[in-house]
N, C-alpha and C. Protein backbone atom coordinates (compact mmCIF):
# COMPACT_ATOMS: atom_id res chain seq x y z
N MET A 1 42.74 -93.41 53.69
CA MET A 1 42.28 -92.31 52.84
C MET A 1 43.17 -91.10 53.07
N GLN A 2 43.61 -90.47 51.98
CA GLN A 2 44.53 -89.35 52.09
C GLN A 2 43.81 -88.13 52.63
N SER A 3 44.44 -87.41 53.54
CA SER A 3 43.82 -86.23 54.13
C SER A 3 43.64 -85.14 53.10
N GLU A 4 42.55 -84.38 53.18
CA GLU A 4 42.29 -83.28 52.28
C GLU A 4 43.09 -82.05 52.66
N SER A 5 43.83 -82.11 53.76
CA SER A 5 44.61 -80.94 54.16
C SER A 5 45.77 -80.70 53.22
N ILE A 6 46.13 -81.72 52.41
CA ILE A 6 47.18 -81.57 51.42
C ILE A 6 46.52 -81.64 50.05
N VAL A 7 46.50 -80.54 49.33
CA VAL A 7 45.84 -80.50 48.05
C VAL A 7 46.87 -80.32 46.95
N THR A 8 46.45 -80.51 45.71
CA THR A 8 47.36 -80.36 44.59
C THR A 8 47.68 -78.88 44.39
N PRO A 9 48.81 -78.57 43.73
CA PRO A 9 49.16 -77.17 43.52
C PRO A 9 48.11 -76.40 42.73
N GLU A 10 47.31 -77.09 41.92
CA GLU A 10 46.30 -76.41 41.11
C GLU A 10 45.07 -76.01 41.93
N VAL A 11 44.82 -76.69 43.02
CA VAL A 11 43.65 -76.39 43.85
C VAL A 11 44.13 -76.08 45.26
N ARG A 12 44.03 -74.81 45.64
CA ARG A 12 44.44 -74.41 46.99
C ARG A 12 43.27 -74.53 47.96
N HIS A 13 42.09 -74.10 47.53
CA HIS A 13 40.92 -74.14 48.40
C HIS A 13 39.77 -74.84 47.69
N LYS A 14 39.28 -75.94 48.25
CA LYS A 14 38.14 -76.64 47.68
C LYS A 14 36.86 -75.86 47.95
N TRP A 15 35.81 -76.18 47.18
CA TRP A 15 34.60 -75.36 47.26
C TRP A 15 33.96 -75.33 48.64
N PRO A 16 33.98 -76.43 49.44
CA PRO A 16 33.40 -76.29 50.79
C PRO A 16 34.16 -75.29 51.66
N ASP A 17 35.48 -75.22 51.47
CA ASP A 17 36.29 -74.29 52.26
C ASP A 17 36.02 -72.85 51.84
N ARG A 18 35.84 -72.63 50.53
CA ARG A 18 35.51 -71.28 50.06
C ARG A 18 34.12 -70.87 50.51
N LEU A 19 33.19 -71.82 50.47
CA LEU A 19 31.83 -71.53 50.94
C LEU A 19 31.84 -71.17 52.42
N PHE A 20 32.62 -71.91 53.22
CA PHE A 20 32.74 -71.59 54.65
C PHE A 20 33.33 -70.20 54.83
N HIS A 21 34.41 -69.90 54.11
CA HIS A 21 35.10 -68.63 54.29
C HIS A 21 34.18 -67.45 54.01
N TRP A 22 33.49 -67.47 52.86
CA TRP A 22 32.67 -66.33 52.49
C TRP A 22 31.38 -66.27 53.32
N SER A 23 30.84 -67.41 53.72
CA SER A 23 29.67 -67.40 54.60
C SER A 23 30.03 -66.81 55.95
N MET A 24 31.18 -67.21 56.47
CA MET A 24 31.65 -66.67 57.74
C MET A 24 31.92 -65.17 57.61
N ALA A 25 32.52 -64.77 56.48
CA ALA A 25 32.82 -63.35 56.28
C ALA A 25 31.55 -62.51 56.29
N ILE A 26 30.52 -62.97 55.59
CA ILE A 26 29.25 -62.23 55.55
C ILE A 26 28.63 -62.16 56.95
N ALA A 27 28.61 -63.29 57.66
CA ALA A 27 28.03 -63.31 59.00
C ALA A 27 28.78 -62.38 59.94
N VAL A 28 30.11 -62.39 59.87
CA VAL A 28 30.92 -61.53 60.75
C VAL A 28 30.66 -60.06 60.43
N MET A 29 30.59 -59.70 59.15
CA MET A 29 30.35 -58.30 58.79
C MET A 29 28.97 -57.84 59.25
N VAL A 30 27.95 -58.70 59.11
CA VAL A 30 26.63 -58.34 59.59
C VAL A 30 26.65 -58.14 61.10
N LEU A 31 27.36 -59.01 61.81
CA LEU A 31 27.47 -58.87 63.26
C LEU A 31 28.16 -57.57 63.66
N LEU A 32 29.26 -57.25 62.99
CA LEU A 32 30.01 -56.04 63.34
C LEU A 32 29.21 -54.78 63.02
N PHE A 33 28.60 -54.73 61.84
CA PHE A 33 27.83 -53.54 61.47
C PHE A 33 26.59 -53.37 62.36
N SER A 34 25.91 -54.49 62.65
CA SER A 34 24.71 -54.39 63.48
C SER A 34 25.06 -54.03 64.93
N ALA A 35 26.29 -54.34 65.36
CA ALA A 35 26.70 -54.02 66.73
C ALA A 35 27.19 -52.58 66.87
N PHE A 36 27.94 -52.10 65.86
CA PHE A 36 28.62 -50.81 66.03
C PHE A 36 27.95 -49.64 65.32
N LEU A 37 27.12 -49.88 64.31
CA LEU A 37 26.44 -48.76 63.67
C LEU A 37 25.51 -48.02 64.63
N PRO A 38 24.74 -48.73 65.48
CA PRO A 38 23.91 -47.98 66.44
C PRO A 38 24.73 -47.13 67.41
N ILE A 39 25.95 -47.57 67.70
CA ILE A 39 26.80 -46.82 68.63
C ILE A 39 27.18 -45.47 68.04
N VAL A 40 27.36 -45.42 66.71
CA VAL A 40 27.77 -44.16 66.06
C VAL A 40 26.56 -43.37 65.57
N GLY A 41 25.35 -43.79 65.96
CA GLY A 41 24.17 -42.98 65.68
C GLY A 41 23.28 -43.45 64.56
N VAL A 42 23.61 -44.56 63.92
CA VAL A 42 22.76 -45.09 62.86
C VAL A 42 21.64 -45.90 63.51
N GLU A 43 20.43 -45.44 63.38
CA GLU A 43 19.30 -46.06 64.06
C GLU A 43 18.56 -47.03 63.14
N PHE A 44 18.42 -48.26 63.58
CA PHE A 44 17.62 -49.27 62.89
C PHE A 44 17.39 -50.41 63.86
N ASP A 45 16.50 -51.30 63.50
CA ASP A 45 16.19 -52.44 64.37
C ASP A 45 17.30 -53.48 64.23
N TRP A 46 18.38 -53.27 65.00
CA TRP A 46 19.59 -54.06 64.81
C TRP A 46 19.56 -55.40 65.53
N VAL A 47 18.75 -55.54 66.55
CA VAL A 47 18.78 -56.75 67.37
C VAL A 47 18.49 -58.03 66.57
N PRO A 48 17.41 -58.07 65.75
CA PRO A 48 17.18 -59.29 64.97
C PRO A 48 18.33 -59.62 64.02
N TRP A 49 18.86 -58.60 63.36
CA TRP A 49 20.01 -58.83 62.48
C TRP A 49 21.17 -59.45 63.24
N HIS A 50 21.39 -58.95 64.44
CA HIS A 50 22.57 -59.39 65.20
C HIS A 50 22.42 -60.82 65.69
N TRP A 51 21.28 -61.15 66.30
CA TRP A 51 21.18 -62.49 66.87
C TRP A 51 21.02 -63.55 65.78
N ILE A 52 20.36 -63.22 64.67
CA ILE A 52 20.24 -64.19 63.58
C ILE A 52 21.60 -64.45 62.94
N ALA A 53 22.38 -63.39 62.71
CA ALA A 53 23.72 -63.57 62.15
C ALA A 53 24.60 -64.35 63.11
N GLY A 54 24.42 -64.11 64.42
CA GLY A 54 25.19 -64.86 65.41
C GLY A 54 24.85 -66.34 65.41
N ALA A 55 23.57 -66.64 65.28
CA ALA A 55 23.14 -68.04 65.23
C ALA A 55 23.68 -68.73 63.97
N ILE A 56 23.63 -68.01 62.84
CA ILE A 56 24.16 -68.56 61.59
C ILE A 56 25.66 -68.80 61.70
N LEU A 57 26.39 -67.82 62.28
CA LEU A 57 27.83 -67.98 62.44
C LEU A 57 28.14 -69.18 63.33
N THR A 58 27.38 -69.36 64.39
CA THR A 58 27.61 -70.51 65.28
C THR A 58 27.44 -71.82 64.52
N LEU A 59 26.39 -71.92 63.70
CA LEU A 59 26.17 -73.12 62.90
C LEU A 59 27.32 -73.34 61.92
N ILE A 60 27.77 -72.27 61.28
CA ILE A 60 28.88 -72.37 60.33
C ILE A 60 30.14 -72.89 61.02
N ILE A 61 30.43 -72.37 62.21
CA ILE A 61 31.62 -72.77 62.95
C ILE A 61 31.53 -74.24 63.37
N VAL A 62 30.36 -74.67 63.82
CA VAL A 62 30.18 -76.08 64.20
C VAL A 62 30.43 -76.99 63.00
N LEU A 63 29.88 -76.64 61.83
CA LEU A 63 30.09 -77.44 60.63
C LEU A 63 31.57 -77.45 60.23
N HIS A 64 32.22 -76.30 60.38
CA HIS A 64 33.65 -76.21 60.05
C HIS A 64 34.48 -77.10 60.96
N ILE A 65 34.19 -77.08 62.25
CA ILE A 65 34.93 -77.92 63.21
C ILE A 65 34.74 -79.39 62.87
N LEU A 66 33.52 -79.79 62.56
CA LEU A 66 33.25 -81.19 62.20
C LEU A 66 34.01 -81.58 60.93
N ARG A 67 34.01 -80.70 59.94
CA ARG A 67 34.74 -80.99 58.70
C ARG A 67 36.25 -81.07 58.95
N ALA A 68 36.75 -80.14 59.79
CA ALA A 68 38.18 -80.13 60.08
C ALA A 68 38.61 -81.39 60.83
N LEU A 69 37.76 -81.87 61.73
CA LEU A 69 38.11 -83.03 62.55
C LEU A 69 37.97 -84.35 61.79
N PHE A 70 36.92 -84.48 61.00
CA PHE A 70 36.59 -85.79 60.44
C PHE A 70 36.82 -85.91 58.94
N VAL A 71 37.06 -84.80 58.24
CA VAL A 71 37.27 -84.87 56.80
C VAL A 71 38.68 -84.41 56.43
N GLN A 72 39.03 -83.19 56.84
CA GLN A 72 40.32 -82.64 56.46
C GLN A 72 41.46 -83.10 57.36
N GLY A 73 41.18 -83.15 58.66
CA GLY A 73 42.26 -83.31 59.63
C GLY A 73 42.82 -81.94 59.98
N ILE A 74 43.25 -81.76 61.21
CA ILE A 74 43.72 -80.45 61.65
C ILE A 74 45.22 -80.28 61.50
N GLY A 75 45.88 -81.27 60.88
CA GLY A 75 47.34 -81.23 60.78
C GLY A 75 47.86 -80.03 60.04
N SER A 76 47.13 -79.56 59.00
CA SER A 76 47.63 -78.44 58.21
C SER A 76 47.66 -77.14 58.99
N MET A 77 46.94 -77.07 60.11
CA MET A 77 46.91 -75.86 60.91
C MET A 77 47.73 -75.95 62.19
N LEU A 78 48.39 -77.07 62.41
CA LEU A 78 49.22 -77.22 63.60
C LEU A 78 50.64 -76.74 63.31
N PRO A 79 51.23 -75.95 64.19
CA PRO A 79 52.61 -75.51 63.99
C PRO A 79 53.57 -76.69 63.96
N ARG A 80 54.53 -76.65 63.04
CA ARG A 80 55.54 -77.68 62.90
C ARG A 80 56.93 -77.04 63.05
N PRO A 81 57.95 -77.85 63.40
CA PRO A 81 59.29 -77.27 63.56
C PRO A 81 59.77 -76.51 62.33
N HIS A 82 59.45 -77.02 61.13
CA HIS A 82 59.94 -76.35 59.92
C HIS A 82 59.24 -75.01 59.68
N ASP A 83 58.10 -74.78 60.37
CA ASP A 83 57.40 -73.51 60.20
C ASP A 83 58.22 -72.33 60.71
N PHE A 84 59.14 -72.58 61.61
CA PHE A 84 59.89 -71.50 62.24
C PHE A 84 61.21 -71.22 61.54
N LYS A 85 61.47 -71.92 60.44
CA LYS A 85 62.68 -71.66 59.67
C LYS A 85 62.43 -70.50 58.71
N ARG A 86 63.48 -69.84 58.29
CA ARG A 86 63.40 -68.73 57.35
C ARG A 86 62.42 -67.66 57.82
N GLY A 87 62.41 -67.42 59.12
CA GLY A 87 61.53 -66.39 59.65
C GLY A 87 60.07 -66.71 59.56
N GLY A 88 59.74 -67.99 59.42
CA GLY A 88 58.34 -68.39 59.35
C GLY A 88 57.84 -68.64 57.95
N TYR A 89 58.62 -68.27 56.92
CA TYR A 89 58.21 -68.50 55.54
C TYR A 89 58.77 -69.84 55.08
N THR A 90 58.04 -70.90 55.38
CA THR A 90 58.51 -72.24 55.09
C THR A 90 58.44 -72.56 53.61
N ARG A 91 59.35 -73.43 53.16
CA ARG A 91 59.28 -73.95 51.79
C ARG A 91 59.07 -75.45 51.82
N HIS A 92 58.60 -75.96 52.96
CA HIS A 92 58.35 -77.38 53.08
C HIS A 92 57.27 -77.79 52.10
N ALA A 93 57.49 -78.90 51.39
CA ALA A 93 56.62 -79.29 50.28
C ALA A 93 55.20 -79.59 50.71
N GLU A 94 54.99 -79.98 51.98
CA GLU A 94 53.65 -80.37 52.41
C GLU A 94 52.94 -79.30 53.22
N SER A 95 53.50 -78.10 53.26
CA SER A 95 52.91 -77.04 54.07
C SER A 95 52.03 -76.14 53.21
N LYS A 96 50.77 -76.11 53.53
CA LYS A 96 49.84 -75.23 52.82
C LYS A 96 49.87 -73.83 53.40
N TYR A 97 50.10 -73.72 54.72
CA TYR A 97 50.09 -72.43 55.39
C TYR A 97 51.40 -72.20 56.12
N ASP A 98 51.83 -70.92 56.17
CA ASP A 98 53.02 -70.61 56.95
C ASP A 98 52.62 -70.34 58.40
N ILE A 99 53.60 -70.09 59.24
CA ILE A 99 53.34 -69.97 60.68
C ILE A 99 52.47 -68.74 60.99
N TYR A 100 52.58 -67.69 60.17
CA TYR A 100 51.79 -66.50 60.41
C TYR A 100 50.31 -66.75 60.10
N GLN A 101 50.06 -67.48 59.01
CA GLN A 101 48.68 -67.83 58.68
C GLN A 101 48.08 -68.76 59.73
N LYS A 102 48.86 -69.70 60.20
CA LYS A 102 48.38 -70.60 61.25
C LYS A 102 48.08 -69.82 62.54
N GLY A 103 48.99 -68.92 62.89
CA GLY A 103 48.78 -68.12 64.10
C GLY A 103 47.53 -67.25 63.99
N TYR A 104 47.33 -66.66 62.80
CA TYR A 104 46.14 -65.84 62.60
C TYR A 104 44.88 -66.69 62.70
N HIS A 105 44.92 -67.87 62.13
CA HIS A 105 43.76 -68.78 62.18
C HIS A 105 43.37 -69.09 63.62
N TRP A 106 44.36 -69.46 64.45
CA TRP A 106 44.06 -69.80 65.84
C TRP A 106 43.63 -68.58 66.64
N GLY A 107 44.18 -67.42 66.29
CA GLY A 107 43.76 -66.19 66.95
C GLY A 107 42.29 -65.88 66.68
N VAL A 108 41.90 -65.97 65.40
CA VAL A 108 40.50 -65.73 65.03
C VAL A 108 39.61 -66.78 65.68
N ALA A 109 40.09 -68.03 65.71
CA ALA A 109 39.29 -69.10 66.31
C ALA A 109 38.99 -68.80 67.77
N LEU A 110 39.99 -68.35 68.53
CA LEU A 110 39.78 -68.04 69.94
C LEU A 110 38.81 -66.87 70.12
N VAL A 111 38.96 -65.84 69.28
CA VAL A 111 38.08 -64.67 69.38
C VAL A 111 36.64 -65.05 69.05
N ILE A 112 36.45 -65.81 67.97
CA ILE A 112 35.10 -66.22 67.57
C ILE A 112 34.47 -67.10 68.64
N LEU A 113 35.25 -68.03 69.21
CA LEU A 113 34.71 -68.88 70.27
C LEU A 113 34.31 -68.07 71.49
N ALA A 114 35.11 -67.05 71.83
CA ALA A 114 34.76 -66.18 72.96
C ALA A 114 33.45 -65.45 72.68
N LEU A 115 33.26 -65.00 71.44
CA LEU A 115 32.03 -64.31 71.07
C LEU A 115 30.82 -65.25 71.12
N ILE A 116 31.01 -66.47 70.65
CA ILE A 116 29.91 -67.43 70.65
C ILE A 116 29.53 -67.82 72.08
N ILE A 117 30.55 -68.13 72.90
CA ILE A 117 30.29 -68.57 74.27
C ILE A 117 29.57 -67.49 75.08
N THR A 118 29.99 -66.23 74.87
CA THR A 118 29.33 -65.13 75.60
C THR A 118 28.04 -64.70 74.92
N GLY A 119 27.94 -64.95 73.62
CA GLY A 119 26.74 -64.54 72.89
C GLY A 119 25.54 -65.41 73.17
N ILE A 120 25.77 -66.69 73.46
CA ILE A 120 24.64 -67.61 73.70
C ILE A 120 23.81 -67.19 74.92
N PRO A 121 24.41 -66.92 76.09
CA PRO A 121 23.58 -66.45 77.21
C PRO A 121 22.93 -65.10 76.95
N MET A 122 23.62 -64.23 76.18
CA MET A 122 23.02 -62.95 75.83
C MET A 122 21.78 -63.15 74.95
N LEU A 123 21.85 -64.15 74.08
CA LEU A 123 20.72 -64.46 73.21
C LEU A 123 19.50 -64.91 74.02
N LEU A 124 19.76 -65.61 75.12
CA LEU A 124 18.66 -66.10 75.95
C LEU A 124 17.95 -64.98 76.71
N LYS A 125 18.53 -63.77 76.68
CA LYS A 125 17.87 -62.62 77.30
C LYS A 125 16.86 -61.96 76.36
N LEU A 126 16.79 -62.47 75.12
CA LEU A 126 15.90 -61.88 74.12
C LEU A 126 14.65 -62.74 73.93
N ASP A 127 13.56 -62.07 73.61
CA ASP A 127 12.35 -62.79 73.20
C ASP A 127 12.49 -63.14 71.72
N THR A 128 12.38 -64.39 71.37
CA THR A 128 12.43 -64.83 69.98
C THR A 128 11.23 -65.72 69.71
N VAL A 129 11.12 -66.16 68.47
CA VAL A 129 10.02 -67.06 68.11
C VAL A 129 10.24 -68.45 68.71
N PHE A 130 11.44 -68.70 69.23
CA PHE A 130 11.77 -70.03 69.74
C PHE A 130 11.68 -70.12 71.26
N TRP A 131 11.85 -69.02 71.98
CA TRP A 131 11.83 -69.06 73.44
C TRP A 131 11.50 -67.67 74.00
N ASP A 132 11.14 -67.64 75.29
CA ASP A 132 10.92 -66.39 76.01
C ASP A 132 12.20 -66.00 76.73
N ARG A 133 12.38 -64.71 76.90
CA ARG A 133 13.61 -64.21 77.49
C ARG A 133 13.75 -64.67 78.94
N ASN A 134 15.03 -64.84 79.36
CA ASN A 134 15.31 -65.27 80.73
C ASN A 134 16.48 -64.46 81.28
N PRO A 135 16.24 -63.22 81.72
CA PRO A 135 17.32 -62.35 82.21
C PRO A 135 17.92 -62.81 83.53
N SER A 136 17.25 -63.70 84.23
CA SER A 136 17.75 -64.17 85.53
C SER A 136 18.67 -65.39 85.39
N LEU A 137 19.09 -65.67 84.16
CA LEU A 137 19.96 -66.82 83.92
C LEU A 137 21.27 -66.70 84.69
N LEU A 138 21.81 -65.47 84.78
CA LEU A 138 23.07 -65.22 85.48
C LEU A 138 22.89 -64.08 86.48
N THR A 139 23.84 -63.97 87.41
CA THR A 139 23.81 -62.85 88.35
C THR A 139 24.30 -61.59 87.64
N ASP A 140 24.09 -60.45 88.29
CA ASP A 140 24.54 -59.18 87.70
C ASP A 140 26.04 -59.18 87.46
N LEU A 141 26.79 -59.72 88.42
CA LEU A 141 28.24 -59.78 88.25
C LEU A 141 28.63 -60.65 87.07
N GLN A 142 27.98 -61.79 86.93
CA GLN A 142 28.27 -62.69 85.82
C GLN A 142 27.91 -62.06 84.48
N TRP A 143 26.78 -61.34 84.44
CA TRP A 143 26.42 -60.65 83.21
C TRP A 143 27.48 -59.59 82.88
N GLY A 144 28.02 -58.95 83.90
CA GLY A 144 29.08 -57.98 83.66
C GLY A 144 30.27 -58.59 82.98
N TYR A 145 30.70 -59.76 83.46
CA TYR A 145 31.82 -60.46 82.83
C TYR A 145 31.49 -60.83 81.39
N VAL A 146 30.26 -61.29 81.16
CA VAL A 146 29.85 -61.69 79.81
C VAL A 146 29.94 -60.51 78.85
N TYR A 147 29.42 -59.35 79.28
CA TYR A 147 29.43 -58.17 78.41
C TYR A 147 30.83 -57.65 78.16
N VAL A 148 31.67 -57.69 79.17
CA VAL A 148 33.06 -57.21 79.01
C VAL A 148 33.81 -58.10 78.02
N VAL A 149 33.72 -59.41 78.19
CA VAL A 149 34.42 -60.33 77.30
C VAL A 149 33.87 -60.21 75.87
N HIS A 150 32.55 -60.12 75.74
CA HIS A 150 31.94 -60.02 74.41
C HIS A 150 32.36 -58.73 73.72
N GLY A 151 32.36 -57.62 74.46
CA GLY A 151 32.75 -56.35 73.87
C GLY A 151 34.22 -56.31 73.50
N ALA A 152 35.07 -56.82 74.39
CA ALA A 152 36.51 -56.82 74.10
C ALA A 152 36.82 -57.71 72.90
N ALA A 153 36.19 -58.89 72.84
CA ALA A 153 36.42 -59.78 71.71
C ALA A 153 35.94 -59.15 70.40
N SER A 154 34.87 -58.37 70.46
CA SER A 154 34.37 -57.69 69.26
C SER A 154 35.39 -56.67 68.75
N LEU A 155 36.00 -55.92 69.65
CA LEU A 155 37.01 -54.94 69.25
C LEU A 155 38.23 -55.64 68.65
N VAL A 156 38.64 -56.75 69.25
CA VAL A 156 39.77 -57.51 68.70
C VAL A 156 39.43 -58.04 67.31
N LEU A 157 38.19 -58.50 67.14
CA LEU A 157 37.77 -59.03 65.85
C LEU A 157 37.81 -57.95 64.76
N ILE A 158 37.42 -56.72 65.09
CA ILE A 158 37.50 -55.63 64.12
C ILE A 158 38.94 -55.46 63.64
N PHE A 159 39.87 -55.45 64.58
CA PHE A 159 41.29 -55.31 64.23
C PHE A 159 41.74 -56.46 63.34
N MET A 160 41.34 -57.68 63.66
CA MET A 160 41.79 -58.84 62.91
C MET A 160 41.19 -58.86 61.50
N VAL A 161 39.95 -58.41 61.37
CA VAL A 161 39.34 -58.30 60.04
C VAL A 161 40.08 -57.27 59.20
N MET A 162 40.39 -56.13 59.78
CA MET A 162 41.14 -55.09 59.05
C MET A 162 42.51 -55.61 58.64
N LEU A 163 43.17 -56.33 59.53
CA LEU A 163 44.48 -56.91 59.24
C LEU A 163 44.38 -57.91 58.08
N HIS A 164 43.35 -58.73 58.12
CA HIS A 164 43.15 -59.75 57.09
C HIS A 164 42.93 -59.11 55.72
N ILE A 165 42.09 -58.09 55.68
CA ILE A 165 41.80 -57.42 54.41
C ILE A 165 43.04 -56.72 53.89
N TYR A 166 43.77 -56.04 54.77
CA TYR A 166 44.97 -55.32 54.34
C TYR A 166 46.00 -56.25 53.70
N PHE A 167 46.33 -57.34 54.38
CA PHE A 167 47.37 -58.22 53.88
C PHE A 167 46.94 -58.94 52.61
N ASN A 168 45.65 -59.23 52.45
CA ASN A 168 45.22 -59.94 51.26
C ASN A 168 45.13 -59.05 50.03
N PHE A 169 45.12 -57.73 50.23
CA PHE A 169 45.12 -56.82 49.08
C PHE A 169 46.52 -56.35 48.72
N LEU A 170 47.53 -56.75 49.47
CA LEU A 170 48.90 -56.45 49.07
C LEU A 170 49.20 -57.16 47.76
N PRO A 171 49.92 -56.52 46.84
CA PRO A 171 50.18 -57.14 45.53
C PRO A 171 50.80 -58.53 45.64
N GLU A 172 51.72 -58.72 46.59
CA GLU A 172 52.41 -60.01 46.70
C GLU A 172 51.53 -61.10 47.31
N HIS A 173 50.37 -60.72 47.88
CA HIS A 173 49.46 -61.70 48.46
C HIS A 173 48.17 -61.84 47.66
N ARG A 174 48.03 -61.07 46.60
CA ARG A 174 46.76 -61.04 45.87
C ARG A 174 46.42 -62.39 45.26
N VAL A 175 47.45 -63.18 44.94
CA VAL A 175 47.19 -64.50 44.36
C VAL A 175 46.46 -65.39 45.36
N LEU A 176 46.69 -65.17 46.65
CA LEU A 176 45.98 -65.94 47.68
C LEU A 176 44.53 -65.49 47.79
N LEU A 177 44.28 -64.20 47.59
CA LEU A 177 42.91 -63.70 47.57
C LEU A 177 42.14 -64.29 46.39
N ILE A 178 42.78 -64.32 45.23
CA ILE A 178 42.15 -64.89 44.04
C ILE A 178 41.84 -66.37 44.25
N SER A 179 42.75 -67.07 44.94
CA SER A 179 42.53 -68.50 45.18
C SER A 179 41.32 -68.76 46.07
N MET A 180 40.98 -67.78 46.93
CA MET A 180 39.80 -67.95 47.76
C MET A 180 38.52 -67.71 46.98
N ILE A 181 38.64 -67.14 45.79
CA ILE A 181 37.49 -66.92 44.91
C ILE A 181 37.36 -68.06 43.89
N THR A 182 38.47 -68.38 43.25
CA THR A 182 38.45 -69.38 42.18
C THR A 182 38.80 -70.78 42.66
N GLY A 183 39.50 -70.86 43.80
CA GLY A 183 39.95 -72.14 44.31
C GLY A 183 41.35 -72.50 43.87
N LYS A 184 41.83 -71.87 42.80
CA LYS A 184 43.15 -72.21 42.26
C LYS A 184 44.20 -71.24 42.73
N GLY A 185 45.36 -71.79 43.10
CA GLY A 185 46.44 -70.94 43.58
C GLY A 185 47.60 -71.78 44.05
N PRO A 186 48.65 -71.13 44.59
CA PRO A 186 49.82 -71.87 45.05
C PRO A 186 49.49 -72.78 46.22
N HIS A 187 50.09 -73.95 46.23
CA HIS A 187 49.80 -74.93 47.28
C HIS A 187 50.28 -74.45 48.64
N HIS A 188 51.45 -73.82 48.69
CA HIS A 188 51.96 -73.30 49.96
C HIS A 188 52.51 -71.91 49.74
N PRO A 189 52.60 -71.08 50.79
CA PRO A 189 52.83 -69.64 50.65
C PRO A 189 54.16 -69.26 50.06
N SER A 190 55.11 -70.17 49.97
CA SER A 190 56.40 -69.81 49.39
C SER A 190 56.54 -70.38 47.98
N HIS A 191 55.41 -70.67 47.35
CA HIS A 191 55.41 -71.10 45.96
C HIS A 191 56.09 -70.03 45.13
N GLU A 192 56.54 -70.39 43.93
CA GLU A 192 57.31 -69.45 43.12
C GLU A 192 56.52 -68.19 42.80
N SER A 193 55.17 -68.27 42.81
CA SER A 193 54.37 -67.08 42.54
C SER A 193 54.47 -66.07 43.66
N LEU A 194 54.96 -66.49 44.82
CA LEU A 194 55.17 -65.57 45.93
C LEU A 194 56.64 -65.39 46.25
N SER A 195 57.48 -65.80 45.35
CA SER A 195 58.93 -65.79 45.62
C SER A 195 59.49 -64.40 45.74
N ASP A 196 58.75 -63.39 45.21
CA ASP A 196 59.21 -62.02 45.31
C ASP A 196 58.61 -61.30 46.50
N ASN A 197 58.06 -62.07 47.45
CA ASN A 197 57.44 -61.50 48.63
C ASN A 197 58.39 -60.53 49.33
N LYS A 198 57.98 -59.28 49.44
CA LYS A 198 58.86 -58.27 50.02
C LYS A 198 59.08 -58.47 51.49
N HIS A 199 58.21 -59.24 52.14
CA HIS A 199 58.34 -59.41 53.58
C HIS A 199 59.18 -60.63 53.91
N GLU A 200 59.60 -61.40 52.89
CA GLU A 200 60.35 -62.62 53.15
C GLU A 200 61.83 -62.30 53.31
N PRO A 201 62.46 -62.75 54.37
CA PRO A 201 63.89 -62.48 54.56
C PRO A 201 64.71 -63.18 53.50
N LYS A 202 65.73 -62.50 53.03
CA LYS A 202 66.61 -63.04 51.98
C LYS A 202 67.67 -63.96 52.56
């Protein structure tokens, strides 16, 4: 069976991938706003919003990993020798993503995993409808490490979200933004519709 990681030029993102992207985007934004708005003085009951969005994001990521492993294959996101040619803007016929997009993907993956791994024990410190809180799960020192990693990863995620939004609203990248809405777009980033990319070395 042919891997779904290679799609036709008419379809860049299939509907499950678009659903994952926008579901993850909503969950991440809810997490960021519920975490940082109270810090700047906006008062509301942020804890339920935060842990529910975190649980939803964890489920989304698990489903994405399963789909990537058993349906799509992870080959389209693995760096290849041809990715490093022409300054990373490959024109290889089977490449859906360039090296910068792959690098960004793995960077976000590491940050999200760090947030999930540290967020799960933090969640167990809360009283929910599913369990009673257990603050003695870790020592004080261990909780310190958890909070530091979680906070640092949150700050990195803010930067990466801003970077993602900025580059996708650039005129030369807008076709990729549209493809995440409609599903249709160039198969790989050096398609002729991006041939005038100002960032591509001549």
